[in-house]
Protein backbone atom coordinates (compact mmCIF):
# COMPACT_ATOMS: atom_id res chain seq x y z
CA MET A 1 33.27 70.56 14.71
CA THR A 2 36.56 72.09 13.57
CA GLU A 3 35.57 75.46 15.00
CA PHE A 4 34.79 73.84 18.35
CA PHE A 5 38.22 72.23 18.56
CA ALA A 6 39.86 75.49 17.47
CA VAL A 7 38.20 77.32 20.38
CA LEU A 8 39.29 74.59 22.82
CA THR A 9 42.86 74.73 21.56
CA ALA A 10 42.90 78.53 21.87
CA PHE A 11 41.76 78.18 25.49
CA PHE A 12 44.58 75.67 26.23
CA ILE A 13 47.13 78.04 24.70
CA VAL A 14 45.91 80.94 26.85
CA ALA A 15 45.77 78.78 30.01
CA THR A 16 49.29 77.47 29.38
CA ALA A 17 50.87 80.80 28.47
CA THR A 18 49.22 83.04 31.07
CA PRO A 19 51.26 81.88 34.12
CA VAL A 20 54.42 82.92 32.27
CA ILE A 21 53.31 86.55 32.54
CA ALA A 22 55.18 88.37 35.31
CA SER A 23 52.01 89.57 37.01
CA SER A 24 50.59 89.11 40.49
CA ALA A 25 46.98 89.60 39.38
CA TRP A 26 44.71 86.86 40.69
CA TRP A 27 43.33 86.06 37.22
CA VAL A 28 46.91 85.36 36.06
CA ARG A 29 48.02 83.34 39.06
CA VAL A 30 44.84 81.25 39.10
CA PHE A 31 46.14 79.38 36.04
CA ASP A 32 48.96 77.98 38.21
CA PHE A 33 46.49 75.69 39.93
CA PRO A 34 44.69 73.45 37.41
CA ARG A 35 47.70 72.08 35.54
CA PRO A 36 46.70 68.42 36.10
CA GLN A 37 43.21 69.11 34.78
CA LEU A 38 44.57 71.06 31.80
CA LEU A 39 46.95 68.20 31.02
CA VAL A 40 44.11 65.68 30.91
CA MET A 41 41.76 67.97 28.98
CA SER A 42 44.31 68.94 26.33
CA SER A 43 45.42 65.33 25.88
CA LEU A 44 41.82 64.15 25.42
CA THR A 45 41.13 67.00 23.01
CA VAL A 46 44.11 66.06 20.81
CA SER A 47 42.96 62.45 20.79
CA ALA A 48 39.43 63.47 19.83
CA GLU A 49 40.72 65.70 17.03
CA LEU A 50 42.65 62.85 15.48
CA VAL A 51 39.58 60.58 15.64
CA LEU A 52 36.77 62.97 14.70
CA LEU A 53 38.53 65.23 12.20
CA GLU A 54 40.42 64.38 9.03
CA PRO A 55 43.80 63.42 10.56
CA THR A 56 45.86 64.46 7.51
CA ALA A 57 44.20 67.85 7.03
CA PRO A 58 46.60 70.78 7.68
CA LEU A 59 44.25 72.39 10.20
CA THR A 60 43.89 69.14 12.15
CA ILE A 61 47.65 68.72 12.23
CA ALA A 62 48.07 72.32 13.43
CA LEU A 63 45.45 71.96 16.17
CA ALA A 64 46.84 68.61 17.34
CA THR A 65 50.38 69.98 17.40
CA LEU A 66 49.45 73.06 19.42
CA GLY A 67 47.36 70.98 21.82
CA SER A 68 50.21 68.50 22.25
CA LEU A 69 52.63 71.33 23.04
CA CYS A 70 50.23 72.63 25.71
CA ALA A 71 49.91 69.14 27.20
CA ALA A 72 53.71 68.70 27.19
CA SER A 73 54.15 72.03 28.98
CA GLN A 74 51.69 71.01 31.71
CA LEU A 75 53.29 67.57 32.03
CA ALA A 76 56.74 69.10 32.50
CA ARG A 77 55.51 70.90 35.63
CA ILE A 78 53.60 67.94 37.09
CA LEU A 79 55.97 65.06 36.31
CA PRO A 80 58.39 65.81 39.21
CA PHE A 81 55.48 65.16 41.60
CA THR A 82 54.91 61.60 40.43
CA PRO A 83 56.69 58.35 41.34
CA LEU A 84 58.32 58.49 37.89
CA TRP A 85 60.67 61.23 39.16
CA ARG A 86 63.64 61.03 41.46
CA LYS A 87 62.76 61.67 45.10
CA GLN A 88 63.98 65.05 46.27
CA VAL A 89 63.88 64.06 49.96
CA PRO A 90 65.23 60.51 50.41
CA CYS A 91 63.46 57.63 52.13
CA ALA A 92 64.40 57.13 55.77
CA THR A 93 66.66 54.35 56.92
CA GLY A 94 67.29 53.03 60.41
CA SER A 95 64.94 53.12 63.37
CA GLY A 96 64.42 54.79 66.72
CA GLN A 97 61.71 57.12 67.95
CA GLU A 98 64.20 59.64 69.28
CA ASN A 99 64.87 60.94 65.73
CA SER A 100 61.33 60.60 64.36
CA LEU A 101 58.98 63.54 63.86
CA GLY A 102 55.42 63.42 62.52
CA ILE A 103 53.72 66.62 61.34
CA LEU A 104 50.02 66.98 60.55
CA VAL A 105 48.65 70.01 58.69
CA ALA A 106 44.85 70.25 58.90
CA ASN A 107 42.80 73.09 57.47
CA VAL A 108 39.62 72.26 59.37
CA LEU A 109 37.27 74.82 57.70
CA THR A 110 35.88 77.30 60.18
CA SER A 111 32.24 76.48 59.37
CA ASN A 112 32.81 72.73 59.85
CA ARG A 113 31.24 71.83 63.20
CA ASP A 114 32.26 68.17 63.42
CA ALA A 115 35.67 67.82 65.06
CA SER A 116 35.44 64.05 65.44
CA LEU A 117 36.88 63.26 62.00
CA VAL A 118 39.92 65.48 62.56
CA LEU A 119 40.51 64.00 66.01
CA ALA A 120 40.14 60.46 64.63
CA PHE A 121 42.84 61.08 62.02
CA ILE A 122 45.14 62.56 64.66
CA GLU A 123 44.58 59.49 66.84
CA ARG A 124 45.35 57.17 63.91
CA GLU A 125 48.55 58.84 62.71
CA GLU A 126 49.84 59.96 66.12
CA PRO A 127 51.74 63.02 64.88
CA ASP A 128 54.15 64.84 67.14
CA ILE A 129 53.05 68.23 65.79
CA VAL A 130 49.51 69.28 64.84
CA ILE A 131 49.06 72.51 62.88
CA ALA A 132 45.33 73.30 62.72
CA LEU A 133 44.19 76.12 60.44
CA GLU A 134 40.97 78.15 60.05
CA THR A 135 40.37 77.62 63.77
CA ASP A 136 38.03 79.89 65.69
CA ALA A 137 37.02 79.83 69.37
CA TRP A 138 34.70 76.83 68.80
CA TRP A 139 37.54 74.84 67.24
CA GLU A 140 39.90 75.85 70.02
CA LYS A 141 37.47 74.40 72.55
CA GLN A 142 37.15 71.15 70.57
CA LEU A 143 40.88 70.70 69.99
CA ASN A 144 41.99 71.53 73.50
CA CYS A 145 41.28 67.92 74.43
CA LEU A 146 44.62 67.29 72.69
CA GLN A 147 46.49 69.06 75.46
CA ALA A 148 46.63 65.89 77.54
CA THR A 149 48.91 64.40 74.86
CA TYR A 150 50.15 67.62 73.29
CA PRO A 151 50.96 69.82 76.29
CA HIS A 152 52.99 72.43 74.39
CA THR A 153 50.72 74.82 72.50
CA LEU A 154 50.50 78.12 70.69
CA GLN A 155 46.96 79.32 70.01
CA CYS A 156 45.40 82.05 67.91
CA ALA A 157 41.61 81.72 67.54
CA LEU A 158 40.22 84.02 64.84
CA ASP A 159 36.85 84.18 63.07
CA ASN A 160 38.29 85.48 59.77
CA LEU A 161 39.36 82.03 58.36
CA TYR A 162 42.97 82.55 59.48
CA GLY A 163 42.95 81.20 63.01
CA MET A 164 45.92 78.94 63.75
CA HIS A 165 46.64 76.43 66.53
CA LEU A 166 49.86 74.55 67.14
CA TYR A 167 49.83 71.46 69.40
CA SER A 168 53.09 69.66 70.16
CA ARG A 169 54.21 66.60 72.07
CA LEU A 170 57.70 68.08 71.94
CA PRO A 171 58.90 71.05 73.99
CA LEU A 172 58.64 74.39 72.18
CA LYS A 173 61.40 76.91 72.75
CA ASN A 174 60.56 80.60 72.28
CA PRO A 175 57.24 80.06 70.47
CA GLN A 176 56.19 83.25 68.70
CA LEU A 177 53.09 84.49 66.90
CA GLU A 178 53.65 87.03 64.13
CA TYR A 179 51.66 88.92 61.49
CA LEU A 180 54.32 89.13 58.82
CA VAL A 181 52.54 90.73 55.88
CA GLN A 182 48.82 91.21 56.52
CA GLU A 183 46.89 92.17 59.62
CA GLY A 184 44.76 89.25 60.75
CA VAL A 185 46.88 86.65 58.93
CA PRO A 186 49.17 85.07 61.55
CA SER A 187 52.16 82.76 61.34
CA MET A 188 53.81 80.71 64.10
CA HIS A 189 57.49 80.14 64.78
CA ALA A 190 59.24 77.94 67.35
CA LEU A 191 62.14 75.64 68.09
CA LEU A 192 61.18 72.01 68.62
CA GLN A 193 63.31 69.80 70.84
CA LEU A 194 63.46 66.18 69.70
CA PRO A 195 63.95 63.34 72.22
CA CYS A 196 67.51 62.96 70.91
CA GLY A 197 68.23 66.52 72.07
CA ARG A 198 68.45 68.14 68.63
CA HIS A 199 66.50 71.32 67.92
CA VAL A 200 64.38 71.88 64.81
CA LEU A 201 63.29 75.31 63.60
CA LEU A 202 59.58 75.32 62.68
CA HIS A 203 57.69 77.97 60.71
CA ALA A 204 53.91 77.46 60.29
CA LEU A 205 52.24 79.58 57.60
CA HIS A 206 48.79 80.21 56.13
CA PRO A 207 49.01 83.19 53.76
CA ALA A 208 45.86 84.54 52.13
CA PRO A 209 45.18 83.31 48.57
CA PRO A 210 44.97 85.48 45.45
CA PHE A 211 41.24 85.45 44.93
CA PRO A 212 38.47 88.07 44.71
CA GLY A 213 37.26 88.86 48.21
CA GLU A 214 40.64 87.88 49.69
CA ASN A 215 43.43 89.53 47.70
CA ASP A 216 43.17 90.83 44.14
CA GLU A 217 46.86 90.04 43.77
CA ALA A 218 49.17 87.22 44.83
CA GLN A 219 51.72 89.71 46.15
CA PRO A 220 50.95 89.31 49.90
CA ARG A 221 50.98 85.50 49.68
CA ASP A 222 54.15 85.42 47.61
CA ILE A 223 56.04 87.85 49.83
CA GLU A 224 55.13 86.00 53.04
CA ILE A 225 56.32 82.68 51.61
CA LEU A 226 59.48 84.08 50.03
CA VAL A 227 60.57 86.26 52.94
CA VAL A 228 60.53 83.17 55.18
CA ALA A 229 62.68 81.42 52.58
CA ARG A 230 65.14 84.33 52.63
CA SER A 231 65.32 84.21 56.43
CA LEU A 232 66.43 80.57 56.26
CA GLU A 233 69.60 81.32 54.31
CA LYS A 234 71.41 81.89 57.63
CA HIS A 235 70.13 78.53 58.95
CA ALA A 236 71.64 76.40 56.17
CA GLY A 237 73.37 74.05 58.63
CA LYS A 238 70.37 73.56 60.93
CA PRO A 239 67.30 71.31 60.74
CA VAL A 240 64.33 73.34 59.47
CA ILE A 241 60.68 72.62 58.69
CA VAL A 242 58.19 75.00 57.06
CA ALA A 243 54.60 73.74 57.01
CA GLY A 244 51.05 74.91 56.49
CA ASP A 245 48.38 75.74 53.95
CA MET A 246 50.33 77.88 51.49
CA ASN A 247 47.32 78.49 49.23
CA ASP A 248 49.68 77.66 46.39
CA VAL A 249 50.66 74.63 44.35
CA PRO A 250 54.19 73.14 44.41
CA TRP A 251 54.89 73.74 40.71
CA SER A 252 54.21 77.49 40.92
CA ARG A 253 57.00 80.01 40.45
CA THR A 254 56.51 81.11 44.06
CA LEU A 255 57.05 77.72 45.69
CA ARG A 256 59.86 76.84 43.28
CA GLY A 257 61.45 80.13 44.27
CA PHE A 258 60.86 79.28 47.92
CA LEU A 259 62.74 75.96 47.59
CA ALA A 260 65.56 77.44 45.52
CA THR A 261 66.05 80.28 48.02
CA SER A 262 65.67 78.33 51.26
CA GLY A 263 67.46 75.16 50.20
CA LEU A 264 64.56 73.08 51.56
CA GLY A 265 63.06 70.06 49.83
CA ASP A 266 59.53 68.86 49.10
CA PRO A 267 58.65 65.29 50.19
CA ARG A 268 56.03 65.21 47.40
CA ARG A 269 58.66 65.29 44.67
CA GLY A 270 59.09 61.77 43.39
CA ARG A 271 56.24 60.43 45.54
CA GLY A 272 52.89 61.83 44.39
CA LEU A 273 50.58 64.83 44.28
CA TYR A 274 48.67 64.08 47.51
CA ASN A 275 46.02 66.62 46.54
CA THR A 276 44.53 68.26 49.62
CA TYR A 277 41.96 70.63 48.06
CA HIS A 278 39.06 70.56 47.12
CA ALA A 279 37.83 67.60 49.19
CA SER A 280 34.29 67.80 47.78
CA HIS A 281 35.17 68.09 44.09
CA ARG A 282 37.09 65.07 42.82
CA LEU A 283 37.85 66.59 39.40
CA MET A 284 39.14 69.90 40.78
CA ARG A 285 41.88 68.99 43.21
CA TRP A 286 45.42 70.17 43.74
CA PRO A 287 47.99 70.20 46.58
CA LEU A 288 47.71 73.34 48.73
CA ASP A 289 48.96 72.02 52.10
CA HIS A 290 52.68 71.45 52.45
CA VAL A 291 55.57 70.31 54.61
CA PHE A 292 59.01 71.44 53.42
CA VAL A 293 62.19 70.15 55.07
CA SER A 294 65.91 70.80 55.18
CA ARG A 295 68.53 68.29 54.06
CA HIS A 296 68.73 66.88 57.58
CA PHE A 297 65.51 64.90 57.15
CA ALA A 298 64.43 61.78 55.32
CA VAL A 299 60.85 60.62 54.79
CA GLU A 300 59.25 57.65 56.54
CA ARG A 301 55.68 58.22 55.37
CA VAL A 302 53.49 60.70 53.49
CA ALA A 303 49.72 60.42 53.72
CA ARG A 304 46.50 62.26 53.00
CA SER A 305 43.56 61.92 55.37
CA HIS A 306 40.09 60.59 54.78
CA PRO A 307 37.48 63.40 54.48
CA ILE A 308 37.44 65.44 57.68
CA GLY A 309 34.35 67.58 57.01
CA SER A 310 36.50 70.37 55.55
CA ASP A 311 37.13 71.51 51.99
CA HIS A 312 40.70 70.29 52.63
CA PHE A 313 42.08 66.87 53.40
CA ALA A 314 44.66 66.80 56.19
CA TYR A 315 48.27 66.24 55.10
CA PHE A 316 50.61 64.09 57.20
CA THR A 317 54.36 63.58 56.89
CA ARG A 318 56.53 61.46 59.17
CA LEU A 319 60.19 62.42 59.00
CA ARG A 320 63.40 61.06 60.42
CA LEU A 321 66.34 63.23 61.40
CA GLN A 322 69.30 61.60 59.73
CA PRO A 323 72.57 61.40 61.72
CA ASP A 324 74.63 62.01 58.57
CA ALA A 325 72.87 64.71 56.56
CA PRO A 326 73.87 65.05 52.90
CA GLU A 327 75.49 68.24 51.66
CA SER A 328 72.37 69.12 49.68
CA LEU A 329 69.06 67.69 48.57
CA THR A 330 68.74 65.86 45.27
CA SER A 331 66.77 66.81 42.17
CA ARG A 332 67.16 70.58 42.45
CA GLU A 333 65.53 71.60 39.17
CA ASP A 334 65.43 75.36 39.80
CA GLY A 335 68.38 77.68 40.11
CA THR A 336 69.54 81.26 39.79
CA GLU A 337 66.74 82.57 37.57
CA VAL A 338 63.95 81.73 39.98
CA GLN A 339 66.10 82.85 42.93
CA GLN A 340 66.56 86.24 41.26
CA TRP A 341 62.80 86.48 40.72
CA ALA A 342 62.27 85.68 44.42
CA ARG A 343 64.69 88.42 45.50
CA GLU A 344 62.94 90.97 43.29
CA LYS A 345 59.56 89.93 44.64
CA ILE A 346 60.69 90.30 48.27
CA ALA A 347 62.07 93.77 47.49
CA GLN A 348 58.58 94.88 46.44
CA GLY A 349 57.20 94.29 49.94
CA ASP A 350 57.40 96.14 53.24
CA VAL A 351 58.86 93.16 55.12
CA ASP A 352 62.31 91.64 54.99
CA ALA A 353 64.09 88.59 56.38
CA ALA A 354 64.94 90.37 59.63
CA ASP A 355 61.22 90.62 60.42
CA VAL A 356 60.78 86.83 60.45
CA PRO A 357 60.98 85.56 64.06
CA ASP A 358 64.10 83.54 64.88
CA PRO A 359 63.27 81.44 67.96
CA GLY A 360 66.84 80.16 68.09
CA ALA A 361 68.42 83.59 68.42
CA PRO A 362 69.71 84.63 71.85
CA ARG A 363 67.34 86.89 73.75
């Protein structure tokens, strides 16, 4: 029994320490994802050790201490994404549709051939912007019924799991499709015009994950995310939204570096995990789909969809453009160290901030 718990504890130590390694290898970065599961497993293991083993034995004390340290490390990363933490993006006050903006991110799964569930969730939440991912020609045909309500579109049907479709109730200024890092992996960029007349810069992303068969390293994903963050430094005084399936979790070094570099905030912080993947495996879920916002926005509502036939749930956020934006967002846990890491990571790629489309720039 003691040997069994020793092996479990060794696994928790490896799983906790591996993400600290400065490596982009997929087998290193994969340990970023299951922190909630590792927290629960290590906590249960410590409890079992104290019940099933001699609690005062030196080896039991050592195993329980190491397991508790692993659990504490996992908890430190997850706690900011629970209601116990201070909200990074404040709750909205006031009313008026002219400043309201709802965004829906839906990875529909290319092989899913039932569009009715996605369309039903869109009808229920009535977003102003729909970002549909993994869309091929079949999905384009099914979703084009939205054009009666969402007349402004940008479409890229692909059969490689990286198709992307943008449907908007709001006018799109200078919408652009770009392949920032990898051929066949598009991103979309546009200016949205709210009914109040204000413009919002939107970047929609779906970088490829670090996984065998996709990318052996996280480098392409990380660079795409971080170079967009770097491009936003010149937009510090403007309303900005970055949304999509990032194939990354919000507590990773990459997304913490993204927020620290861009100055954007995460509506999840202080509200909940809102796990969007994997829809079919209740015990193996984490948040992969995101909406990040500048300090100009407050949150009216955050929601996760019912099952939509995909391996993802859809992720919905309703925002309100605040007339008096704060100087900065609250609860900024990350600073210069992670920003420096982000700069070094961007320098390793073949793309820089100037390559990111700027729909607001004069033509």
